[in-house]
Protein backbone atom coordinates (compact mmCIF):
# COMPACT_ATOMS: atom_id res chain seq x y z
CA MET A 1 -1.52 4.25 -4.89
CA ASN A 2 -0.74 5.65 -8.01
CA GLY A 3 2.31 7.80 -7.75
CA ASP A 4 0.21 10.85 -8.87
CA LEU A 5 -2.36 10.51 -6.75
CA GLU A 6 -3.35 10.65 -2.87
CA VAL A 7 -5.11 8.53 -0.86
CA SER A 8 -8.65 9.72 0.38
CA ALA A 9 -9.17 8.83 3.97
CA LYS A 10 -12.87 8.95 3.58
CA ASN A 11 -12.48 6.69 0.77
CA LEU A 12 -10.26 4.19 2.74
CA ALA A 13 -12.56 4.45 5.70
CA ARG A 14 -15.54 3.82 3.88
CA THR A 15 -14.13 1.05 2.44
CA LEU A 16 -12.93 -0.57 5.73
CA GLY A 17 -16.51 0.03 7.49
CA VAL A 18 -15.01 2.68 10.15
CA LYS A 19 -15.70 6.51 10.45
CA ALA A 20 -12.31 7.75 10.09
CA VAL A 21 -8.60 6.50 9.57
CA GLU A 22 -5.36 7.86 9.92
CA THR A 23 -1.81 7.59 8.90
CA ALA A 24 0.52 5.46 11.38
CA GLY A 25 3.51 7.29 13.07
CA GLN A 26 6.62 6.60 12.43
CA SER A 27 7.58 4.38 15.57
CA GLN A 28 4.13 2.20 14.77
CA ALA A 29 4.98 1.50 11.25
CA ARG A 30 8.65 0.53 11.98
CA ARG A 31 7.29 -1.58 14.94
CA TRP A 32 4.37 -3.38 12.18
CA THR A 33 6.23 -3.30 9.21
CA GLY A 34 10.18 -3.53 10.34
CA TYR A 35 11.13 -0.54 7.54
CA GLU A 36 12.25 2.64 7.90
CA PHE A 37 9.65 5.34 7.63
CA GLY A 38 9.39 6.73 4.10
CA GLY A 39 10.68 3.09 2.60
CA THR A 40 7.84 0.88 3.60
CA SER A 41 7.35 -1.96 1.32
CA PRO A 42 4.13 -4.08 1.71
CA PHE A 43 6.45 -7.25 1.27
CA GLY A 44 8.38 -8.99 3.73
CA THR A 45 6.81 -6.93 6.73
CA ARG A 46 6.91 -8.35 10.56
CA THR A 47 3.31 -8.22 10.94
CA THR A 48 0.46 -9.32 8.41
CA LEU A 49 -1.10 -7.17 7.13
CA PRO A 50 -4.15 -6.29 4.79
CA ILE A 51 -3.14 -4.66 1.62
CA HIS A 52 -5.13 -1.94 0.26
CA ALA A 53 -4.53 -0.73 -3.38
CA HIS A 54 -6.39 1.65 -5.93
CA ASP A 55 -8.49 0.31 -8.30
CA GLU A 56 -6.84 1.52 -11.42
CA ILE A 57 -3.36 -0.32 -10.55
CA ALA A 58 -5.37 -3.75 -11.19
CA GLU A 59 -5.67 -2.64 -14.92
CA LEU A 60 -2.01 -1.81 -15.25
CA GLU A 61 0.50 -4.55 -16.31
CA GLU A 62 3.16 -3.80 -14.17
CA ILE A 63 4.10 -1.16 -11.28
CA TYR A 64 6.89 -0.29 -9.53
CA ILE A 65 6.40 -0.61 -5.93
CA ASN A 66 8.96 0.09 -2.71
CA GLY A 67 11.35 -1.71 -2.44
CA GLY A 68 12.08 -1.68 1.63
CA ARG A 69 14.59 1.48 1.39
CA ARG A 70 13.28 5.09 0.21
CA GLY A 71 14.07 5.72 -3.16
CA TYR A 72 14.50 1.88 -3.66
CA LEU A 73 12.09 0.97 -6.55
CA VAL A 74 11.55 -2.37 -7.92
CA LYS A 75 9.15 -3.11 -11.13
CA ILE A 76 6.69 -5.90 -10.73
CA ARG A 77 4.35 -7.62 -12.48
CA THR A 78 0.54 -6.51 -11.40
CA VAL A 79 -0.65 -10.46 -11.59
CA ASP A 80 2.74 -11.55 -9.55
CA LEU A 81 1.57 -8.90 -7.17
CA GLN A 82 -2.15 -9.95 -6.53
CA ARG A 83 -0.93 -13.53 -6.01
CA VAL A 84 1.36 -12.43 -3.70
CA LEU A 85 -0.50 -10.24 -1.13
CA ASP A 86 -4.06 -10.71 -2.67
CA PRO A 87 -4.69 -6.73 -1.95
CA ARG A 88 -8.56 -5.49 -2.04
CA PHE A 89 -8.60 -3.27 -4.69
CA ASP A 90 -10.75 0.33 -4.34
CA ASP A 91 -11.49 3.51 -5.44
CA LEU A 92 -8.85 5.39 -2.72
CA ALA A 93 -7.99 8.48 -4.58
CA VAL A 94 -8.87 11.94 -3.45
């Protein structure tokens, strides 16, 4: 999600074809990803997870994304993000 926007739970649920979604709790997020809560990166997770991204991100040349620690951001070209993570792009903003 763009840093100045918030994820719409309704839009994400619609995208996933379910009634509702909720944020994973701290312990569950750590079990799935191996990362400390607040420092979660989509790269190198313990469990292979589907990646969903706001559609506007696909239009950007490069983005900054969490690198696995709180406050640690890495710059990546969007084409590389797409190649490595194969995210699904949808309108996910509130």
